[in-house]
């Protein structure tokens, strides 16, 4: 067993242990009937963010080893967004942030639900660090793409990140070019294709909530 395999095994064990910690924190919050507590919210948020990073690392390892490919299914997008909002609302509540969702009625998507759930949970976790009071997950059909977006009401992305994406938007991402969550999202987007078109990510400011908007475009 080489070092990469050992590391992947350790990541898997850490992810399982961290999952137990997250569930215990969630249960503790319910037992104490605490609905808004910055300290508990920070603990939940950081634990979930670490778990999301471990999931991303493990997924990237499997992709690199050819052990993970896309399982494309027909997905009810509104139900998908509803489940994600519910999964993240408890942590958001303790931070004083609301997580809402919107979707075009009857919208259907074709994507790998497990991979996209991991990507969006990671992006929401990142958004919770910068939001003032709310996050909006929304979906729409645009020019033959399913667009899944995460908006916040924070200060937005630095302008250098917005400028840098222009040349890279439709290219396959390279390790080291951006932070882990963005790299993972971009790689997963590119794993979704339809004919000659591939998925991609897009960053913008001053959209629905006035802060940053991270969108994933799936053909």
C-alpha atoms as a PDB file:
ATOM      1  CA  UNK A   1       0.000   0.000   0.000  1.00  0.00           C
ATOM      2  CA  UNK A   2       1.494   3.340  -1.059  1.00  0.00           C
ATOM      3  CA  UNK A   3       1.278   6.633   0.813  1.00  0.00           C
ATOM      4  CA  UNK A   4      -1.719   7.911  -1.189  1.00  0.00           C
ATOM      5  CA  UNK A   5      -3.699   4.757  -0.345  1.00  0.00           C
ATOM      6  CA  UNK A   6      -2.780   5.039   3.343  1.00  0.00           C
ATOM      7  CA  UNK A   7      -3.805   8.694   3.351  1.00  0.00           C
ATOM      8  CA  UNK A   8      -7.122   7.877   1.678  1.00  0.00           C
ATOM      9  CA  UNK A   9      -7.820   5.217   4.296  1.00  0.00           C
ATOM     10  CA  UNK A  10      -7.065   7.691   7.094  1.00  0.00           C
ATOM     11  CA  UNK A  11      -9.313  10.320   5.484  1.00  0.00           C
ATOM     12  CA  UNK A  12     -12.140   7.764   5.348  1.00  0.00           C
ATOM     13  CA  UNK A  13     -11.715   6.974   9.063  1.00  0.00           C
ATOM     14  CA  UNK A  14     -11.562  10.654   9.995  1.00  0.00           C
ATOM     15  CA  UNK A  15     -14.695  11.351   7.958  1.00  0.00           C
ATOM     16  CA  UNK A  16     -16.600   8.637   9.818  1.00  0.00           C
ATOM     17  CA  UNK A  17     -15.461   9.930  13.212  1.00  0.00           C
ATOM     18  CA  UNK A  18     -16.307  13.490  12.272  1.00  0.00           C
ATOM     19  CA  UNK A  19     -19.760  12.379  11.139  1.00  0.00           C
ATOM     20  CA  UNK A  20     -20.360  11.041  14.666  1.00  0.00           C
ATOM     21  CA  UNK A  21     -19.192  14.355  16.140  1.00  0.00           C
ATOM     22  CA  UNK A  22     -21.559  16.320  13.861  1.00  0.00           C
ATOM     23  CA  UNK A  23     -24.540  14.126  14.755  1.00  0.00           C
ATOM     24  CA  UNK A  24     -23.755  14.491  18.460  1.00  0.00           C
ATOM     25  CA  UNK A  25     -23.585  18.290  18.165  1.00  0.00           C
ATOM     26  CA  UNK A  26     -26.907  18.326  16.305  1.00  0.00           C
ATOM     27  CA  UNK A  27     -28.532  16.143  18.969  1.00  0.00           C
ATOM     28  CA  UNK A  28     -27.102  18.302  21.746  1.00  0.00           C
ATOM     29  CA  UNK A  29     -28.573  21.438  20.182  1.00  0.00           C
ATOM     30  CA  UNK A  30     -32.014  19.797  20.019  1.00  0.00           C
ATOM     31  CA  UNK A  31     -31.826  18.521  23.606  1.00  0.00           C
ATOM     32  CA  UNK A  32     -30.905  21.975  24.876  1.00  0.00           C
ATOM     33  CA  UNK A  33     -33.575  23.511  22.623  1.00  0.00           C
ATOM     34  CA  UNK A  34     -31.054  26.079  21.468  1.00  0.00           C
ATOM     35  CA  UNK A  35     -32.098  27.679  18.181  1.00  0.00           C
ATOM     36  CA  UNK A  36     -29.535  30.452  17.853  1.00  0.00           C
ATOM     37  CA  UNK A  37     -26.133  30.242  19.548  1.00  0.00           C
ATOM     38  CA  UNK A  38     -23.010  31.606  17.811  1.00  0.00           C
ATOM     39  CA  UNK A  39     -20.653  29.280  19.695  1.00  0.00           C
ATOM     40  CA  UNK A  40     -22.658  26.151  18.892  1.00  0.00           C
ATOM     41  CA  UNK A  41     -23.133  27.398  15.333  1.00  0.00           C
ATOM     42  CA  UNK A  42     -19.390  27.907  14.903  1.00  0.00           C
ATOM     43  CA  UNK A  43     -18.708  24.408  16.246  1.00  0.00           C
ATOM     44  CA  UNK A  44     -21.285  22.864  13.900  1.00  0.00           C
ATOM     45  CA  UNK A  45     -20.106  24.907  10.946  1.00  0.00           C
ATOM     46  CA  UNK A  46     -16.404  24.149  11.332  1.00  0.00           C
ATOM     47  CA  UNK A  47     -17.091  20.436  11.856  1.00  0.00           C
ATOM     48  CA  UNK A  48     -19.265  20.305   8.726  1.00  0.00           C
ATOM     49  CA  UNK A  49     -16.731  22.324   6.727  1.00  0.00           C
ATOM     50  CA  UNK A  50     -13.962  19.921   7.711  1.00  0.00           C
ATOM     51  CA  UNK A  51     -16.201  16.977   6.812  1.00  0.00           C
ATOM     52  CA  UNK A  52     -16.967  18.537   3.410  1.00  0.00           C
ATOM     53  CA  UNK A  53     -13.240  18.971   2.777  1.00  0.00           C
ATOM     54  CA  UNK A  54     -12.572  15.339   3.672  1.00  0.00           C
ATOM     55  CA  UNK A  55     -15.341  14.205   1.314  1.00  0.00           C
ATOM     56  CA  UNK A  56     -13.845  16.356  -1.442  1.00  0.00           C
ATOM     57  CA  UNK A  57     -10.343  14.953  -0.854  1.00  0.00           C
ATOM     58  CA  UNK A  58     -11.607  11.375  -0.843  1.00  0.00           C
ATOM     59  CA  UNK A  59     -13.606  11.995  -4.020  1.00  0.00           C
ATOM     60  CA  UNK A  60     -10.596  13.561  -5.747  1.00  0.00           C
ATOM     61  CA  UNK A  61      -8.490  10.550  -4.782  1.00  0.00           C
ATOM     62  CA  UNK A  62     -11.075   8.167  -6.255  1.00  0.00           C
ATOM     63  CA  UNK A  63     -11.348  10.256  -9.429  1.00  0.00           C
ATOM     64  CA  UNK A  64      -7.558  10.245  -9.819  1.00  0.00           C
ATOM     65  CA  UNK A  65      -7.496   6.469  -9.354  1.00  0.00           C
ATOM     66  CA  UNK A  66     -10.329   5.951 -11.844  1.00  0.00           C
ATOM     67  CA  UNK A  67     -12.529   4.584  -9.060  1.00  0.00           C
ATOM     68  CA  UNK A  68     -15.238   7.219  -9.338  1.00  0.00           C
ATOM     69  CA  UNK A  69     -17.306   8.125 -12.366  1.00  0.00           C
ATOM     70  CA  UNK A  70     -20.546  10.017 -12.761  1.00  0.00           C
ATOM     71  CA  UNK A  71     -23.812   8.202 -12.123  1.00  0.00           C
ATOM     72  CA  UNK A  72     -26.234  10.356 -14.104  1.00  0.00           C
ATOM     73  CA  UNK A  73     -29.849  10.160 -12.942  1.00  0.00           C
ATOM     74  CA  UNK A  74     -33.041  12.102 -13.552  1.00  0.00           C
ATOM     75  CA  UNK A  75     -33.426  14.373 -10.541  1.00  0.00           C
ATOM     76  CA  UNK A  76     -36.392  16.377  -9.265  1.00  0.00           C
ATOM     77  CA  UNK A  77     -34.459  19.624  -8.757  1.00  0.00           C
ATOM     78  CA  UNK A  78     -36.895  21.267  -6.319  1.00  0.00           C
ATOM     79  CA  UNK A  79     -36.848  18.217  -4.038  1.00  0.00           C
ATOM     80  CA  UNK A  80     -33.057  18.086  -4.312  1.00  0.00           C
ATOM     81  CA  UNK A  81     -32.693  21.720  -3.209  1.00  0.00           C
ATOM     82  CA  UNK A  82     -35.248  21.267  -0.435  1.00  0.00           C
ATOM     83  CA  UNK A  83     -33.267  18.372   1.059  1.00  0.00           C
ATOM     84  CA  UNK A  84     -30.016  20.344   0.900  1.00  0.00           C
ATOM     85  CA  UNK A  85     -31.594  23.379   2.589  1.00  0.00           C
ATOM     86  CA  UNK A  86     -32.926  21.177   5.394  1.00  0.00           C
ATOM     87  CA  UNK A  87     -29.519  19.522   5.864  1.00  0.00           C
ATOM     88  CA  UNK A  88     -27.832  22.901   6.335  1.00  0.00           C
ATOM     89  CA  UNK A  89     -30.516  24.871   8.183  1.00  0.00           C
ATOM     90  CA  UNK A  90     -29.666  23.724  11.717  1.00  0.00           C
ATOM     91  CA  UNK A  91     -26.096  24.968  11.465  1.00  0.00           C
ATOM     92  CA  UNK A  92     -27.233  28.163   9.746  1.00  0.00           C
ATOM     93  CA  UNK A  93     -29.844  28.837  12.449  1.00  0.00           C
ATOM     94  CA  UNK A  94     -27.213  28.836  15.196  1.00  0.00           C
ATOM     95  CA  UNK A  95     -25.239  31.376  13.166  1.00  0.00           C
ATOM     96  CA  UNK A  96     -28.313  33.558  12.694  1.00  0.00           C
ATOM     97  CA  UNK A  97     -28.451  32.826   8.953  1.00  0.00           C
ATOM     98  CA  UNK A  98     -31.407  31.556   6.914  1.00  0.00           C
ATOM     99  CA  UNK A  99     -31.020  29.123   4.016  1.00  0.00           C
ATOM    100  CA  UNK A 100     -33.772  29.351   1.397  1.00  0.00           C
ATOM    101  CA  UNK A 101     -34.245  27.690  -1.973  1.00  0.00           C
ATOM    102  CA  UNK A 102     -36.043  28.439  -5.238  1.00  0.00           C
ATOM    103  CA  UNK A 103     -36.564  26.370  -8.357  1.00  0.00           C
ATOM    104  CA  UNK A 104     -38.534  26.621 -11.554  1.00  0.00           C
ATOM    105  CA  UNK A 105     -41.671  24.507 -11.196  1.00  0.00           C
ATOM    106  CA  UNK A 106     -41.279  20.976 -12.555  1.00  0.00           C
ATOM    107  CA  UNK A 107     -37.570  21.456 -13.312  1.00  0.00           C
ATOM    108  CA  UNK A 108     -35.741  18.175 -13.929  1.00  0.00           C
ATOM    109  CA  UNK A 109     -31.963  17.770 -14.021  1.00  0.00           C
ATOM    110  CA  UNK A 110     -29.652  15.007 -15.176  1.00  0.00           C
ATOM    111  CA  UNK A 111     -26.617  14.751 -12.944  1.00  0.00           C
ATOM    112  CA  UNK A 112     -24.812  12.690 -10.317  1.00  0.00           C
ATOM    113  CA  UNK A 113     -26.815  13.433  -7.175  1.00  0.00           C
ATOM    114  CA  UNK A 114     -24.151  12.276  -4.703  1.00  0.00           C
ATOM    115  CA  UNK A 115     -21.375  14.335  -6.270  1.00  0.00           C
ATOM    116  CA  UNK A 116     -23.503  17.448  -6.678  1.00  0.00           C
ATOM    117  CA  UNK A 117     -24.818  17.185  -3.120  1.00  0.00           C
ATOM    118  CA  UNK A 118     -21.228  17.137  -1.863  1.00  0.00           C
ATOM    119  CA  UNK A 119     -20.320  20.139  -4.018  1.00  0.00           C
ATOM    120  CA  UNK A 120     -23.290  22.275  -2.976  1.00  0.00           C
ATOM    121  CA  UNK A 121     -22.955  21.411   0.718  1.00  0.00           C
ATOM    122  CA  UNK A 122     -19.313  22.497   0.504  1.00  0.00           C
ATOM    123  CA  UNK A 123     -20.248  25.763  -1.210  1.00  0.00           C
ATOM    124  CA  UNK A 124     -22.966  26.494   1.367  1.00  0.00           C
ATOM    125  CA  UNK A 125     -20.462  25.820   4.139  1.00  0.00           C
ATOM    126  CA  UNK A 126     -18.132  28.331   2.550  1.00  0.00           C
ATOM    127  CA  UNK A 127     -20.987  30.808   2.101  1.00  0.00           C
ATOM    128  CA  UNK A 128     -21.895  30.607   5.795  1.00  0.00           C
ATOM    129  CA  UNK A 129     -18.489  32.084   6.605  1.00  0.00           C
ATOM    130  CA  UNK A 130     -19.181  35.233   4.617  1.00  0.00           C
ATOM    131  CA  UNK A 131     -22.964  35.730   4.725  1.00  0.00           C
ATOM    132  CA  UNK A 132     -24.531  38.441   6.837  1.00  0.00           C
ATOM    133  CA  UNK A 133     -27.978  36.918   7.270  1.00  0.00           C
ATOM    134  CA  UNK A 134     -29.070  34.724   4.362  1.00  0.00           C
ATOM    135  CA  UNK A 135     -28.140  32.235   1.657  1.00  0.00           C
ATOM    136  CA  UNK A 136     -30.274  31.383  -1.352  1.00  0.00           C
ATOM    137  CA  UNK A 137     -29.913  28.180  -3.374  1.00  0.00           C
ATOM    138  CA  UNK A 138     -31.725  28.415  -6.665  1.00  0.00           C
ATOM    139  CA  UNK A 139     -32.038  26.567  -9.953  1.00  0.00           C
ATOM    140  CA  UNK A 140     -33.074  27.515 -13.458  1.00  0.00           C
ATOM    141  CA  UNK A 141     -32.786  26.343 -17.049  1.00  0.00           C
ATOM    142  CA  UNK A 142     -30.633  28.744 -19.103  1.00  0.00           C
ATOM    143  CA  UNK A 143     -29.626  28.208 -22.746  1.00  0.00           C
ATOM    144  CA  UNK A 144     -29.848  24.438 -22.454  1.00  0.00           C
ATOM    145  CA  UNK A 145     -27.941  24.314 -19.147  1.00  0.00           C
ATOM    146  CA  UNK A 146     -29.221  23.502 -15.684  1.00  0.00           C
ATOM    147  CA  UNK A 147     -27.837  26.325 -13.530  1.00  0.00           C
ATOM    148  CA  UNK A 148     -27.519  25.655  -9.788  1.00  0.00           C
ATOM    149  CA  UNK A 149     -26.523  28.784  -7.876  1.00  0.00           C
ATOM    150  CA  UNK A 150     -25.608  29.668  -4.300  1.00  0.00           C
ATOM    151  CA  UNK A 151     -26.036  33.352  -3.426  1.00  0.00           C
ATOM    152  CA  UNK A 152     -25.125  35.111  -0.186  1.00  0.00           C
ATOM    153  CA  UNK A 153     -25.477  38.621   1.178  1.00  0.00           C
ATOM    154  CA  UNK A 154     -21.844  39.078   2.146  1.00  0.00           C
ATOM    155  CA  UNK A 155     -19.152  41.255   0.565  1.00  0.00           C
ATOM    156  CA  UNK A 156     -18.814  39.142  -2.582  1.00  0.00           C
ATOM    157  CA  UNK A 157     -15.785  37.576  -4.235  1.00  0.00           C
ATOM    158  CA  UNK A 158     -12.524  39.520  -4.544  1.00  0.00           C
ATOM    159  CA  UNK A 159     -12.302  41.189  -7.940  1.00  0.00           C
ATOM    160  CA  UNK A 160      -9.124  39.295  -8.834  1.00  0.00           C
ATOM    161  CA  UNK A 161     -11.071  36.005  -8.563  1.00  0.00           C
ATOM    162  CA  UNK A 162     -13.807  37.361 -10.827  1.00  0.00           C
ATOM    163  CA  UNK A 163     -11.233  38.579 -13.374  1.00  0.00           C
ATOM    164  CA  UNK A 164      -9.191  35.348 -13.297  1.00  0.00           C
ATOM    165  CA  UNK A 165     -12.122  33.103 -14.215  1.00  0.00           C
ATOM    166  CA  UNK A 166     -12.630  34.606 -17.691  1.00  0.00           C
ATOM    167  CA  UNK A 167      -9.830  32.639 -19.350  1.00  0.00           C
ATOM    168  CA  UNK A 168     -10.373  29.520 -17.255  1.00  0.00           C
ATOM    169  CA  UNK A 169     -14.173  29.259 -17.194  1.00  0.00           C
ATOM    170  CA  UNK A 170     -14.632  26.470 -19.733  1.00  0.00           C
ATOM    171  CA  UNK A 171     -11.232  24.791 -19.188  1.00  0.00           C
ATOM    172  CA  UNK A 172     -10.657  21.744 -17.054  1.00  0.00           C
ATOM    173  CA  UNK A 173      -9.299  22.949 -13.699  1.00  0.00           C
ATOM    174  CA  UNK A 174      -5.730  22.337 -12.607  1.00  0.00           C
ATOM    175  CA  UNK A 175      -4.754  21.515  -9.037  1.00  0.00           C
ATOM    176  CA  UNK A 176      -3.343  24.485  -7.178  1.00  0.00           C
ATOM    177  CA  UNK A 177      -5.172  27.081  -9.270  1.00  0.00           C
ATOM    178  CA  UNK A 178      -7.889  27.694  -6.690  1.00  0.00           C
ATOM    179  CA  UNK A 179      -9.083  26.618  -3.264  1.00  0.00           C
ATOM    180  CA  UNK A 180     -10.169  23.031  -2.670  1.00  0.00           C
ATOM    181  CA  UNK A 181     -13.935  23.666  -2.722  1.00  0.00           C
ATOM    182  CA  UNK A 182     -13.791  25.578  -6.005  1.00  0.00           C
ATOM    183  CA  UNK A 183     -11.452  23.027  -7.582  1.00  0.00           C
ATOM    184  CA  UNK A 184     -13.734  20.171  -6.548  1.00  0.00           C
ATOM    185  CA  UNK A 185     -16.822  21.974  -7.864  1.00  0.00           C
ATOM    186  CA  UNK A 186     -15.137  22.763 -11.180  1.00  0.00           C
ATOM    187  CA  UNK A 187     -13.871  19.210 -11.631  1.00  0.00           C
ATOM    188  CA  UNK A 188     -17.292  17.702 -10.885  1.00  0.00           C
ATOM    189  CA  UNK A 189     -18.932  20.165 -13.282  1.00  0.00           C
ATOM    190  CA  UNK A 190     -16.524  19.128 -16.057  1.00  0.00           C
ATOM    191  CA  UNK A 191     -17.364  15.467 -15.394  1.00  0.00           C
ATOM    192  CA  UNK A 192     -20.895  16.232 -16.619  1.00  0.00           C
ATOM    193  CA  UNK A 193     -21.172  16.458 -20.381  1.00  0.00           C
ATOM    194  CA  UNK A 194     -23.749  16.394 -23.152  1.00  0.00           C
ATOM    195  CA  UNK A 195     -22.346  15.934 -26.625  1.00  0.00           C
ATOM    196  CA  UNK A 196     -19.462  18.389 -26.997  1.00  0.00           C
ATOM    197  CA  UNK A 197     -20.580  20.558 -24.093  1.00  0.00           C
ATOM    198  CA  UNK A 198     -19.140  20.188 -20.601  1.00  0.00           C
ATOM    199  CA  UNK A 199     -20.232  21.683 -17.319  1.00  0.00           C
ATOM    200  CA  UNK A 200     -18.415  24.617 -15.768  1.00  0.00           C
ATOM    201  CA  UNK A 201     -18.560  27.012 -12.839  1.00  0.00           C
ATOM    202  CA  UNK A 202     -19.041  30.760 -12.757  1.00  0.00           C
ATOM    203  CA  UNK A 203     -18.410  33.372 -10.069  1.00  0.00           C
ATOM    204  CA  UNK A 204     -20.242  36.700  -9.909  1.00  0.00           C
ATOM    205  CA  UNK A 205     -21.078  39.506  -7.507  1.00  0.00           C
ATOM    206  CA  UNK A 206     -24.171  41.604  -6.872  1.00  0.00           C
ATOM    207  CA  UNK A 207     -26.703  39.046  -8.047  1.00  0.00           C
ATOM    208  CA  UNK A 208     -29.846  37.953  -6.165  1.00  0.00           C
ATOM    209  CA  UNK A 209     -28.737  38.892  -2.627  1.00  0.00           C
ATOM    210  CA  UNK A 210     -26.104  41.506  -3.407  1.00  0.00           C
ATOM    211  CA  UNK A 211     -23.115  39.405  -2.314  1.00  0.00           C
ATOM    212  CA  UNK A 212     -21.267  36.566  -4.020  1.00  0.00           C
ATOM    213  CA  UNK A 213     -22.903  34.082  -6.377  1.00  0.00           C
ATOM    214  CA  UNK A 214     -21.312  30.725  -7.219  1.00  0.00           C
ATOM    215  CA  UNK A 215     -23.110  28.916 -10.032  1.00  0.00           C
ATOM    216  CA  UNK A 216     -22.637  25.492 -11.585  1.00  0.00           C
ATOM    217  CA  UNK A 217     -23.684  25.104 -15.206  1.00  0.00           C
ATOM    218  CA  UNK A 218     -24.559  21.537 -16.222  1.00  0.00           C
ATOM    219  CA  UNK A 219     -25.360  20.737 -19.895  1.00  0.00           C
END
